[in-house]
Amino acid sequence: MDSKITEDFSLGLFIWQALLLVSIGLWIYCLIDVLKNKFEKNDKIIWVLVVILLPILGSILYLFIGKSKKLKLN
């Protein structure tokens, strides 16, 4: 019975599922972070649209560029 489980296990499928789960988590994190913080002028709307319309690329761009554009509150 245990050999049937290991025969059905597909490493490629597991990797794709893990990548999909990580990308969804990253997308949700970035979207919440954009919505919780303040930005100058229309930057918040722009970042929300970038993250929603380009889920993986938009999230990565936000992490590298957008997080530094947040307004620092005292």
C-alpha atoms as a PDB file:
ATOM      1  CA  MET A   1       0.000   0.000   0.000  1.00  0.00           C
ATOM      2  CA  ASP A   2       2.862   2.440   0.752  1.00  0.00           C
ATOM      3  CA  SER A   3       4.436   1.788  -2.642  1.00  0.00           C
ATOM      4  CA  LYS A   4       1.229   2.965  -4.340  1.00  0.00           C
ATOM      5  CA  ILE A   5       1.484   6.331  -2.576  1.00  0.00           C
ATOM      6  CA  THR A   6       5.101   6.849  -3.630  1.00  0.00           C
ATOM      7  CA  GLU A   7       4.296   5.814  -7.212  1.00  0.00           C
ATOM      8  CA  ASP A   8       1.501   8.379  -7.433  1.00  0.00           C
ATOM      9  CA  PHE A   9       3.653  11.187  -6.024  1.00  0.00           C
ATOM     10  CA  SER A  10       4.859  13.558  -8.716  1.00  0.00           C
ATOM     11  CA  LEU A  11       7.744  15.821  -7.724  1.00  0.00           C
ATOM     12  CA  GLY A  12       7.086  18.170 -10.637  1.00  0.00           C
ATOM     13  CA  LEU A  13       3.457  18.625  -9.644  1.00  0.00           C
ATOM     14  CA  PHE A  14       4.473  19.218  -6.019  1.00  0.00           C
ATOM     15  CA  ILE A  15       6.958  21.920  -7.067  1.00  0.00           C
ATOM     16  CA  TRP A  16       4.354  23.693  -9.240  1.00  0.00           C
ATOM     17  CA  GLN A  17       1.826  23.593  -6.415  1.00  0.00           C
ATOM     18  CA  ALA A  18       4.375  24.967  -3.943  1.00  0.00           C
ATOM     19  CA  LEU A  19       5.323  27.787  -6.341  1.00  0.00           C
ATOM     20  CA  LEU A  20       1.654  28.611  -6.891  1.00  0.00           C
ATOM     21  CA  LEU A  21       0.998  28.702  -3.152  1.00  0.00           C
ATOM     22  CA  VAL A  22       4.037  30.947  -2.527  1.00  0.00           C
ATOM     23  CA  SER A  23       3.058  33.317  -5.342  1.00  0.00           C
ATOM     24  CA  ILE A  24      -0.516  33.612  -4.035  1.00  0.00           C
ATOM     25  CA  GLY A  25       0.809  34.292  -0.534  1.00  0.00           C
ATOM     26  CA  LEU A  26       3.212  36.934  -1.865  1.00  0.00           C
ATOM     27  CA  TRP A  27       0.405  38.547  -3.880  1.00  0.00           C
ATOM     28  CA  ILE A  28      -1.901  38.731  -0.836  1.00  0.00           C
ATOM     29  CA  TYR A  29       0.919  40.087   1.374  1.00  0.00           C
ATOM     30  CA  CYS A  30       1.786  42.835  -1.121  1.00  0.00           C
ATOM     31  CA  LEU A  31      -1.839  43.799  -1.681  1.00  0.00           C
ATOM     32  CA  ILE A  32      -2.506  44.090   2.061  1.00  0.00           C
ATOM     33  CA  ASP A  33       0.741  46.033   2.575  1.00  0.00           C
ATOM     34  CA  VAL A  34      -0.192  48.525  -0.149  1.00  0.00           C
ATOM     35  CA  LEU A  35      -3.679  49.015   1.268  1.00  0.00           C
ATOM     36  CA  LYS A  36      -2.467  49.467   4.877  1.00  0.00           C
ATOM     37  CA  ASN A  37       0.186  52.101   4.167  1.00  0.00           C
ATOM     38  CA  LYS A  38       0.144  55.681   2.945  1.00  0.00           C
ATOM     39  CA  PHE A  39       1.769  56.853  -0.280  1.00  0.00           C
ATOM     40  CA  GLU A  40       2.190  60.189  -2.002  1.00  0.00           C
ATOM     41  CA  LYS A  41      -0.633  61.427  -4.265  1.00  0.00           C
ATOM     42  CA  ASN A  42      -1.958  58.605  -6.487  1.00  0.00           C
ATOM     43  CA  ASP A  43       0.858  56.140  -5.815  1.00  0.00           C
ATOM     44  CA  LYS A  44      -1.409  53.894  -3.739  1.00  0.00           C
ATOM     45  CA  ILE A  45      -3.898  53.466  -6.593  1.00  0.00           C
ATOM     46  CA  ILE A  46      -1.074  52.811  -9.039  1.00  0.00           C
ATOM     47  CA  TRP A  47       0.519  50.145  -6.810  1.00  0.00           C
ATOM     48  CA  VAL A  48      -2.836  48.450  -6.191  1.00  0.00           C
ATOM     49  CA  LEU A  49      -3.435  48.254  -9.952  1.00  0.00           C
ATOM     50  CA  VAL A  50       0.105  46.993 -10.634  1.00  0.00           C
ATOM     51  CA  VAL A  51      -0.165  44.270  -7.979  1.00  0.00           C
ATOM     52  CA  ILE A  52      -3.657  43.197  -9.103  1.00  0.00           C
ATOM     53  CA  LEU A  53      -3.101  43.271 -12.870  1.00  0.00           C
ATOM     54  CA  LEU A  54       0.417  41.776 -12.832  1.00  0.00           C
ATOM     55  CA  PRO A  55       0.228  39.410  -9.844  1.00  0.00           C
ATOM     56  CA  ILE A  56       3.710  37.884  -9.719  1.00  0.00           C
ATOM     57  CA  LEU A  57       5.689  40.604 -11.490  1.00  0.00           C
ATOM     58  CA  GLY A  58       3.728  43.373  -9.763  1.00  0.00           C
ATOM     59  CA  SER A  59       4.359  41.845  -6.346  1.00  0.00           C
ATOM     60  CA  ILE A  60       8.085  41.567  -7.013  1.00  0.00           C
ATOM     61  CA  LEU A  61       8.214  45.135  -8.315  1.00  0.00           C
ATOM     62  CA  TYR A  62       6.364  46.352  -5.246  1.00  0.00           C
ATOM     63  CA  LEU A  63       8.792  44.587  -2.913  1.00  0.00           C
ATOM     64  CA  PHE A  64      11.847  46.088  -4.617  1.00  0.00           C
ATOM     65  CA  ILE A  65      10.513  49.537  -5.558  1.00  0.00           C
ATOM     66  CA  GLY A  66       7.203  50.276  -3.856  1.00  0.00           C
ATOM     67  CA  LYS A  67       8.086  49.494  -0.247  1.00  0.00           C
ATOM     68  CA  SER A  68      10.704  52.246  -0.293  1.00  0.00           C
ATOM     69  CA  LYS A  69       8.073  54.736  -1.562  1.00  0.00           C
ATOM     70  CA  LYS A  70       5.863  54.378   1.510  1.00  0.00           C
ATOM     71  CA  LEU A  71       5.484  57.491   3.637  1.00  0.00           C
ATOM     72  CA  LYS A  72       7.156  57.225   7.017  1.00  0.00           C
ATOM     73  CA  LEU A  73       4.726  58.135   9.793  1.00  0.00           C
ATOM     74  CA  ASN A  74       5.941  59.267  13.221  1.00  0.00           C
END
